[in-house]
N, C-alpha and C. Protein backbone atom coordinates (compact mmCIF):
# COMPACT_ATOMS: atom_id res chain seq x y z
N MET A 1 6.44 -14.94 -4.19
CA MET A 1 5.86 -15.80 -2.67
C MET A 1 4.72 -14.98 -2.18
N LEU A 2 3.59 -15.76 -1.87
CA LEU A 2 2.57 -15.10 -1.25
C LEU A 2 3.64 -14.93 0.25
N PRO A 3 3.49 -13.93 0.58
CA PRO A 3 3.40 -13.77 2.07
C PRO A 3 2.30 -14.01 2.92
N LYS A 4 2.71 -15.03 4.20
CA LYS A 4 1.63 -15.51 4.95
C LYS A 4 0.68 -14.49 5.67
N ILE A 5 0.98 -13.67 5.58
CA ILE A 5 0.39 -13.11 6.36
C ILE A 5 -0.94 -12.29 5.48
N ILE A 6 -0.74 -12.57 4.48
CA ILE A 6 -2.50 -12.17 3.32
C ILE A 6 -3.12 -13.28 3.97
N VAL A 7 -2.67 -14.73 4.10
CA VAL A 7 -3.32 -15.42 4.17
C VAL A 7 -4.17 -15.51 5.93
N THR A 8 -3.51 -15.18 7.20
CA THR A 8 -3.31 -15.53 7.95
C THR A 8 -4.08 -14.22 8.66
N ASP A 9 -4.09 -13.22 8.49
CA ASP A 9 -4.26 -11.80 9.13
C ASP A 9 -5.78 -11.66 8.70
N GLU A 10 -6.84 -11.30 10.03
CA GLU A 10 -7.91 -11.02 9.90
C GLU A 10 -8.00 -9.52 8.85
N ARG A 11 -7.28 -8.97 8.35
CA ARG A 11 -7.75 -7.65 7.65
C ARG A 11 -7.89 -8.08 6.45
N PHE A 12 -6.90 -9.34 5.87
CA PHE A 12 -7.30 -9.96 4.06
C PHE A 12 -7.99 -11.65 4.73
N LYS A 13 -9.25 -11.50 5.56
CA LYS A 13 -10.22 -12.39 5.57
C LYS A 13 -11.17 -12.56 4.17
N ASN A 14 -11.47 -11.04 4.35
CA ASN A 14 -12.40 -11.33 2.93
C ASN A 14 -12.27 -11.28 1.46
N LEU A 15 -10.65 -11.57 1.54
CA LEU A 15 -10.00 -11.26 0.35
C LEU A 15 -10.46 -12.73 -0.58
N SER A 16 -10.40 -12.79 -1.72
CA SER A 16 -9.91 -14.13 -2.33
C SER A 16 -9.25 -14.63 -2.29
N SER A 17 -9.56 -16.10 -2.69
CA SER A 17 -8.06 -17.17 -3.27
C SER A 17 -7.38 -16.52 -4.43
N ASP A 18 -7.95 -15.84 -5.01
CA ASP A 18 -7.70 -15.75 -6.52
C ASP A 18 -6.88 -14.32 -6.59
N ALA A 19 -7.49 -13.42 -5.67
CA ALA A 19 -7.11 -11.93 -5.70
C ALA A 19 -5.64 -11.72 -4.90
N LYS A 20 -5.56 -13.04 -3.52
CA LYS A 20 -4.25 -13.07 -2.36
C LYS A 20 -3.20 -13.95 -4.02
N ILE A 21 -3.62 -14.75 -4.71
CA ILE A 21 -2.46 -15.32 -5.71
C ILE A 21 -2.18 -14.38 -6.57
N LEU A 22 -3.67 -14.01 -7.13
CA LEU A 22 -2.78 -12.45 -8.17
C LEU A 22 -1.70 -10.78 -7.67
N TYR A 23 -2.39 -10.91 -6.27
CA TYR A 23 -0.94 -10.25 -5.23
C TYR A 23 0.18 -10.60 -5.81
N SER A 24 0.09 -12.09 -5.05
CA SER A 24 1.78 -12.80 -4.79
C SER A 24 2.58 -12.42 -6.84
N CYS A 25 1.28 -12.89 -7.42
CA CYS A 25 2.10 -12.15 -9.34
C CYS A 25 2.51 -10.74 -8.94
N LEU A 26 1.57 -10.47 -8.89
CA LEU A 26 2.02 -8.89 -8.99
C LEU A 26 3.52 -8.24 -8.39
N LEU A 27 3.37 -8.93 -7.23
CA LEU A 27 4.62 -8.89 -6.49
C LEU A 27 5.73 -9.14 -7.17
N GLU A 28 5.62 -10.15 -7.27
CA GLU A 28 6.50 -10.63 -8.39
C GLU A 28 7.39 -10.07 -9.66
N ARG A 29 6.38 -9.76 -10.34
CA ARG A 29 6.39 -8.94 -11.24
C ARG A 29 7.14 -7.62 -10.68
N THR A 30 6.32 -6.56 -9.68
CA THR A 30 7.16 -5.18 -9.38
C THR A 30 8.77 -5.63 -9.16
N SER A 31 8.96 -7.00 -8.95
CA SER A 31 10.28 -7.21 -8.63
C SER A 31 11.14 -7.22 -9.74
N LEU A 32 10.99 -7.25 -10.12
CA LEU A 32 11.26 -7.57 -11.65
C LEU A 32 11.67 -5.84 -12.47
N SER A 33 10.18 -5.31 -12.82
CA SER A 33 10.10 -4.00 -12.81
C SER A 33 11.39 -2.85 -12.35
N PHE A 34 11.43 -3.43 -10.63
CA PHE A 34 12.22 -2.45 -10.22
C PHE A 34 13.87 -2.87 -10.87
N ARG A 35 14.26 -4.17 -10.88
CA ARG A 35 15.16 -4.33 -11.60
C ARG A 35 15.46 -3.48 -13.09
N ASN A 36 14.75 -3.50 -13.54
CA ASN A 36 14.62 -2.96 -15.00
C ASN A 36 14.55 -1.38 -15.24
N LYS A 37 14.74 -1.32 -13.47
CA LYS A 37 14.30 0.08 -13.23
C LYS A 37 12.77 0.89 -14.43
N TRP A 38 11.61 0.30 -14.33
CA TRP A 38 10.35 0.78 -14.49
C TRP A 38 9.70 1.56 -13.75
N LEU A 39 9.78 3.11 -13.95
CA LEU A 39 9.61 4.00 -12.82
C LEU A 39 8.62 5.24 -13.59
N TYR A 40 8.11 5.47 -12.64
CA TYR A 40 6.94 6.08 -13.51
C TYR A 40 6.79 7.90 -12.38
N GLU A 41 5.31 7.98 -12.79
CA GLU A 41 5.21 9.06 -11.30
C GLU A 41 6.21 9.55 -10.00
N GLU A 42 6.65 10.11 -9.91
CA GLU A 42 7.38 10.64 -8.39
C GLU A 42 8.27 9.44 -7.94
N ASN A 43 9.21 8.78 -9.28
CA ASN A 43 9.64 7.42 -9.19
C ASN A 43 9.48 6.23 -8.43
N ARG A 44 8.20 6.21 -9.00
CA ARG A 44 7.45 4.68 -8.26
C ARG A 44 7.27 3.62 -8.80
N VAL A 45 7.73 2.59 -8.55
CA VAL A 45 8.27 1.42 -9.58
C VAL A 45 6.49 0.92 -10.03
N TYR A 46 6.34 0.48 -10.90
CA TYR A 46 5.33 0.30 -12.04
C TYR A 46 5.31 -1.06 -12.67
N ILE A 47 3.82 -1.30 -12.97
CA ILE A 47 4.14 -2.85 -13.41
C ILE A 47 3.33 -2.45 -14.69
N ILE A 48 2.67 -3.53 -15.73
CA ILE A 48 2.24 -3.65 -16.98
C ILE A 48 2.03 -5.21 -16.58
N PHE A 49 0.60 -5.24 -16.52
CA PHE A 49 0.15 -7.09 -16.33
C PHE A 49 -1.96 -6.61 -16.51
N THR A 50 -1.64 -6.90 -17.77
CA THR A 50 -3.41 -6.68 -18.49
C THR A 50 -3.87 -7.59 -18.15
N VAL A 51 -5.32 -7.66 -18.56
CA VAL A 51 -6.46 -8.13 -17.74
C VAL A 51 -6.36 -9.76 -18.45
N GLU A 52 -6.16 -9.87 -19.81
CA GLU A 52 -5.61 -10.99 -20.31
C GLU A 52 -4.41 -11.88 -19.70
N GLU A 53 -3.14 -11.12 -18.97
CA GLU A 53 -2.26 -12.17 -18.43
C GLU A 53 -2.96 -12.43 -17.33
N ILE A 54 -4.09 -11.78 -16.78
CA ILE A 54 -4.49 -12.47 -15.44
C ILE A 54 -5.27 -13.14 -15.96
N MET A 55 -6.07 -13.17 -17.17
CA MET A 55 -6.96 -14.34 -17.60
C MET A 55 -6.58 -15.60 -18.02
N GLU A 56 -5.11 -15.47 -18.48
CA GLU A 56 -4.26 -16.93 -18.47
C GLU A 56 -3.39 -17.30 -17.32
N THR A 57 -2.70 -16.32 -16.52
CA THR A 57 -2.56 -16.80 -15.57
C THR A 57 -3.37 -17.57 -14.49
N LEU A 58 -4.64 -16.84 -14.10
CA LEU A 58 -5.72 -17.72 -13.29
C LEU A 58 -6.00 -18.55 -13.94
N GLY A 59 -6.46 -18.71 -14.92
CA GLY A 59 -7.24 -19.53 -15.80
C GLY A 59 -8.80 -18.90 -15.66
N SER A 60 -8.84 -17.50 -15.88
CA SER A 60 -10.36 -17.11 -15.47
C SER A 60 -10.77 -16.56 -16.58
N SER A 61 -12.33 -15.90 -16.92
CA SER A 61 -12.94 -15.38 -17.56
C SER A 61 -12.42 -13.34 -17.37
N ASN A 62 -13.01 -12.86 -18.42
CA ASN A 62 -12.54 -11.54 -18.35
C ASN A 62 -13.29 -11.28 -17.23
N LYS A 63 -14.90 -11.31 -16.98
CA LYS A 63 -15.10 -10.19 -15.93
C LYS A 63 -14.12 -11.09 -14.21
N THR A 64 -14.44 -12.18 -14.21
CA THR A 64 -13.83 -12.65 -13.36
C THR A 64 -12.25 -11.87 -13.10
N ALA A 65 -11.38 -12.03 -14.03
CA ALA A 65 -10.37 -11.23 -14.13
C ALA A 65 -10.58 -9.20 -13.43
N VAL A 66 -11.45 -9.08 -13.76
CA VAL A 66 -11.52 -7.58 -13.37
C VAL A 66 -12.02 -7.45 -12.26
N LYS A 67 -12.87 -8.43 -11.91
CA LYS A 67 -13.55 -8.64 -10.35
C LYS A 67 -12.55 -8.66 -9.32
N ILE A 68 -11.13 -9.28 -9.78
CA ILE A 68 -10.14 -9.78 -8.81
C ILE A 68 -9.41 -8.64 -8.77
N LEU A 69 -8.88 -7.65 -9.71
CA LEU A 69 -8.42 -6.85 -10.09
C LEU A 69 -9.19 -5.54 -8.87
N ASN A 70 -10.42 -5.53 -9.05
CA ASN A 70 -11.53 -4.37 -7.90
C ASN A 70 -11.08 -4.84 -6.46
N GLU A 71 -10.77 -5.98 -6.57
CA GLU A 71 -10.55 -6.77 -5.04
C GLU A 71 -10.03 -6.17 -4.28
N LEU A 72 -8.73 -5.78 -5.28
CA LEU A 72 -6.93 -5.49 -4.40
C LEU A 72 -7.34 -3.74 -4.93
N ASP A 73 -7.94 -3.47 -5.79
CA ASP A 73 -7.97 -1.72 -5.99
C ASP A 73 -8.99 -1.26 -4.76
N SER A 74 -8.05 -0.11 -4.42
CA SER A 74 -8.97 0.94 -3.12
C SER A 74 -9.92 1.49 -4.08
N THR A 75 -9.18 2.69 -5.46
CA THR A 75 -10.38 3.34 -6.19
C THR A 75 -11.48 2.50 -6.74
N SER A 76 -11.77 0.79 -6.87
CA SER A 76 -12.86 0.54 -6.80
C SER A 76 -13.58 -0.39 -5.51
N GLY A 77 -12.83 -0.05 -4.50
CA GLY A 77 -14.07 -0.20 -3.22
C GLY A 77 -13.05 -1.59 -2.30
N GLY A 78 -11.67 -2.02 -3.39
CA GLY A 78 -11.05 -3.31 -2.52
C GLY A 78 -10.17 -2.62 -1.25
N ILE A 79 -9.56 -3.65 -1.48
CA ILE A 79 -8.38 -3.61 -0.24
C ILE A 79 -7.21 -2.55 -0.50
N GLY A 80 -7.35 -2.03 -1.25
CA GLY A 80 -6.13 -1.38 -1.38
C GLY A 80 -4.93 -1.55 -1.74
N LEU A 81 -4.19 -3.11 -1.96
CA LEU A 81 -2.86 -3.62 -1.94
C LEU A 81 -2.68 -2.66 -3.59
N ILE A 82 -3.33 -2.67 -4.35
CA ILE A 82 -2.78 -2.03 -5.86
C ILE A 82 -3.18 -0.45 -6.23
N GLU A 83 -2.71 0.39 -7.06
CA GLU A 83 -3.16 1.03 -7.79
C GLU A 83 -3.52 0.99 -8.64
N ARG A 84 -4.71 1.36 -10.04
CA ARG A 84 -4.14 1.70 -11.34
C ARG A 84 -4.34 3.04 -11.73
N LYS A 85 -3.58 3.04 -13.05
CA LYS A 85 -3.54 4.30 -13.52
C LYS A 85 -3.99 4.00 -14.84
N LYS A 86 -5.03 4.55 -15.69
CA LYS A 86 -5.63 4.71 -17.18
C LYS A 86 -4.37 5.74 -17.92
N ARG A 87 -3.97 4.84 -18.94
CA ARG A 87 -3.20 5.74 -19.74
C ARG A 87 -4.21 6.13 -21.24
N GLY A 88 -4.92 5.69 -21.58
CA GLY A 88 -6.09 5.69 -22.69
C GLY A 88 -5.15 5.23 -23.52
N LEU A 89 -6.32 5.49 -24.79
CA LEU A 89 -5.46 4.92 -26.20
C LEU A 89 -5.24 3.48 -26.46
N GLY A 90 -6.27 2.69 -25.54
CA GLY A 90 -6.12 1.53 -26.34
C GLY A 90 -5.00 0.76 -25.05
N LYS A 91 -4.08 1.57 -24.44
CA LYS A 91 -2.72 0.80 -24.00
C LYS A 91 -3.23 0.34 -22.16
N PRO A 92 -2.56 -0.33 -22.10
CA PRO A 92 -2.49 -0.93 -20.37
C PRO A 92 -2.73 -0.19 -19.71
N ASN A 93 -3.36 -0.22 -18.53
CA ASN A 93 -3.05 0.14 -17.12
C ASN A 93 -1.85 0.02 -16.48
N ILE A 94 -1.34 1.39 -15.97
CA ILE A 94 -0.29 1.03 -15.04
C ILE A 94 -1.01 0.50 -13.65
N ILE A 95 0.11 -0.33 -13.29
CA ILE A 95 -0.52 -0.50 -11.61
C ILE A 95 0.60 -0.36 -10.99
N TYR A 96 0.68 0.11 -9.61
CA TYR A 96 1.80 0.54 -8.79
C TYR A 96 0.86 -0.80 -7.63
N VAL A 97 1.76 -1.61 -7.39
CA VAL A 97 1.62 -2.61 -5.99
C VAL A 97 2.29 -1.84 -5.03
N LYS A 98 1.22 -2.18 -3.98
CA LYS A 98 1.86 -1.33 -2.96
C LYS A 98 2.02 -2.65 -2.08
N ASP A 99 2.85 -2.00 -0.69
CA ASP A 99 3.11 -3.21 0.34
C ASP A 99 2.17 -3.37 1.05
N PHE A 100 2.14 -4.46 1.33
CA PHE A 100 0.82 -4.81 2.18
C PHE A 100 0.80 -4.72 3.34
N MET A 101 2.02 -4.08 3.85
CA MET A 101 1.93 -3.61 5.00
C MET A 101 0.80 -2.32 5.46
N SER A 102 0.90 -1.15 4.01
CA SER A 102 0.36 -0.17 4.53
C SER A 102 -1.04 -0.45 4.28
N VAL A 103 -2.29 -1.60 4.50
CA VAL A 103 -3.05 -1.60 4.83
C VAL A 103 -3.28 -1.47 6.64
N PHE A 104 -2.21 -1.72 7.09
CA PHE A 104 -2.13 -2.00 8.15
C PHE A 104 -1.57 -0.24 8.96
N ARG A 105 -1.03 0.39 8.30
CA ARG A 105 -1.03 1.74 8.61
C ARG A 105 -1.85 3.02 8.58
N SER A 106 -3.00 2.38 6.97
CA SER A 106 -4.20 3.24 7.28
C SER A 106 -4.79 2.98 8.24
N GLU A 107 -5.16 1.59 8.66
CA GLU A 107 -5.82 1.86 10.24
C GLU A 107 -5.77 2.79 10.95
N CYS A 108 -4.72 3.65 10.85
CA CYS A 108 -4.67 4.56 11.75
C CYS A 108 -4.80 6.05 11.73
N LYS A 109 -6.45 5.88 11.55
CA LYS A 109 -7.16 7.40 11.00
C LYS A 109 -7.83 7.93 12.08
N ASN A 110 -7.43 7.26 14.20
CA ASN A 110 -7.62 8.33 14.63
C ASN A 110 -6.48 9.05 14.99
N TYR A 111 -6.07 9.89 14.84
CA TYR A 111 -4.90 10.55 15.23
C TYR A 111 -5.05 12.19 15.57
N THR A 112 -4.47 12.44 16.47
CA THR A 112 -4.29 14.00 17.09
C THR A 112 -2.78 14.71 16.70
N SER A 113 -2.36 15.52 16.35
CA SER A 113 -1.43 16.17 16.49
C SER A 113 -1.05 17.35 17.32
N GLU A 114 -0.54 17.73 17.98
CA GLU A 114 0.01 19.34 18.38
C GLU A 114 1.53 19.89 18.29
N VAL A 115 1.52 20.74 18.46
CA VAL A 115 3.33 21.44 17.86
C VAL A 115 3.23 22.40 19.52
N LYS A 116 4.27 22.20 19.83
CA LYS A 116 4.75 23.09 21.44
C LYS A 116 5.76 24.02 20.56
N ASN A 117 5.80 25.01 21.28
CA ASN A 117 6.99 25.78 21.33
C ASN A 117 7.89 25.15 22.35
N LEU A 118 8.91 24.98 21.81
CA LEU A 118 10.35 24.52 22.54
C LEU A 118 11.35 25.32 23.14
N HIS A 119 12.34 24.95 24.11
CA HIS A 119 13.25 25.97 24.24
C HIS A 119 14.35 24.75 23.63
N SER A 120 15.03 24.94 22.81
CA SER A 120 16.16 24.57 22.17
C SER A 120 16.88 23.16 22.66
N ARG A 121 16.77 23.04 23.91
CA ARG A 121 17.53 21.65 24.81
C ARG A 121 16.60 20.81 25.53
N SER A 122 15.81 21.19 25.65
CA SER A 122 14.65 20.75 26.47
C SER A 122 14.10 19.50 26.22
N VAL A 123 13.98 18.53 27.46
CA VAL A 123 13.92 17.05 27.27
C VAL A 123 12.39 16.68 27.83
N GLU A 124 11.62 16.36 26.91
CA GLU A 124 10.17 15.76 26.91
C GLU A 124 10.05 13.88 27.01
N THR A 125 9.91 13.40 28.41
CA THR A 125 9.87 11.90 27.80
C THR A 125 8.20 11.78 27.68
N THR A 126 8.46 10.56 26.71
CA THR A 126 6.95 10.74 25.82
C THR A 126 6.60 8.70 26.20
N SER A 127 5.04 8.66 26.06
CA SER A 127 4.76 7.06 26.29
C SER A 127 5.27 6.16 25.02
N GLN A 128 4.27 5.19 25.16
CA GLN A 128 5.12 4.60 23.50
C GLN A 128 3.83 4.82 22.54
N GLU A 129 2.81 5.41 23.03
CA GLU A 129 1.93 5.62 21.69
C GLU A 129 2.04 6.91 20.85
N MET A 130 3.32 7.53 21.65
CA MET A 130 3.13 9.10 21.00
C MET A 130 4.61 8.69 20.56
N LYS A 131 4.56 9.42 19.38
CA LYS A 131 6.15 9.64 18.26
C LYS A 131 6.24 11.10 18.56
N ASN A 132 7.58 11.19 18.27
CA ASN A 132 8.52 12.87 18.22
C ASN A 132 9.25 13.16 16.98
N VAL A 133 9.12 14.05 16.75
CA VAL A 133 9.90 14.30 15.49
C VAL A 133 10.35 15.64 15.97
N ARG A 134 11.71 15.75 16.03
CA ARG A 134 12.34 16.62 16.38
C ARG A 134 13.75 16.72 15.29
N CYS A 135 13.73 17.97 15.59
CA CYS A 135 15.41 18.58 14.77
C CYS A 135 16.16 19.09 15.80
N LYS A 136 17.47 19.09 15.79
CA LYS A 136 18.40 19.22 16.43
C LYS A 136 18.15 20.99 16.44
N ASN A 137 18.33 21.46 17.78
CA ASN A 137 18.17 23.00 17.94
C ASN A 137 16.81 23.21 17.36
N ALA A 138 15.20 22.32 17.79
CA ALA A 138 14.44 22.72 16.63
C ALA A 138 13.78 23.72 17.90
N ARG A 139 12.86 24.27 17.71
CA ARG A 139 12.00 25.22 18.40
C ARG A 139 10.61 24.59 17.94
N TYR A 140 10.02 23.78 17.76
CA TYR A 140 9.04 22.81 17.99
C TYR A 140 9.37 21.41 17.74
N GLU A 141 7.96 20.77 18.45
CA GLU A 141 8.23 19.74 18.25
C GLU A 141 7.16 19.01 18.20
N VAL A 142 7.00 18.02 16.94
CA VAL A 142 5.20 17.56 16.60
C VAL A 142 5.05 16.34 16.85
N ARG A 143 3.74 15.92 17.86
CA ARG A 143 3.78 14.91 18.53
C ARG A 143 2.48 14.56 17.51
N VAL A 144 2.44 13.39 16.70
CA VAL A 144 1.31 12.75 16.63
C VAL A 144 1.12 11.66 17.38
N THR A 145 -0.19 11.41 17.88
CA THR A 145 -0.70 10.09 18.54
C THR A 145 -1.57 9.13 17.76
N CYS A 146 -1.30 8.31 17.53
CA CYS A 146 -2.29 7.17 16.29
C CYS A 146 -2.89 6.24 17.31
N GLN A 147 -4.00 6.33 17.07
CA GLN A 147 -5.27 5.24 17.37
C GLN A 147 -5.50 4.61 16.77
N ASN A 148 -5.55 3.35 17.12
CA ASN A 148 -6.34 2.40 16.36
C ASN A 148 -5.00 1.90 15.74
N ALA A 149 -3.64 1.75 16.72
CA ALA A 149 -2.66 0.89 15.26
C ALA A 149 -2.36 -0.61 15.91
N PRO A 150 -1.98 -1.63 15.16
CA PRO A 150 -2.01 -2.45 15.47
C PRO A 150 -1.00 -2.65 16.62
């Protein structure tokens, strides 16, 4: 099923309808791969969805199918909803389907971080824009301020 945010949010407005439909198909295939424990590098779930399958699914030409994949793949100048890994030797590419929310997280480009030396039980309040990462009895506090967050 196509997530509604893919259709309604401004960040996806330049994505073609075919790319949105293909992404929905890739998401569905990912859930099947997860159930079948198709894991590759770093235990990431992967799918195999050939250009021929895309052509058949969308009723498109080879050129159009490749163009749609490129819209979704960040390494090809696309939005970054998928990542393709070439396997060579005539084998189909492995596709990692990313969570569509990753597009929102990647917008957090302007950030600052600071490390403070703390006494182990000091407490400091922070604003909502500031995230603290703390360990019990830690001597350091790491703060990352994310600007441009949605």
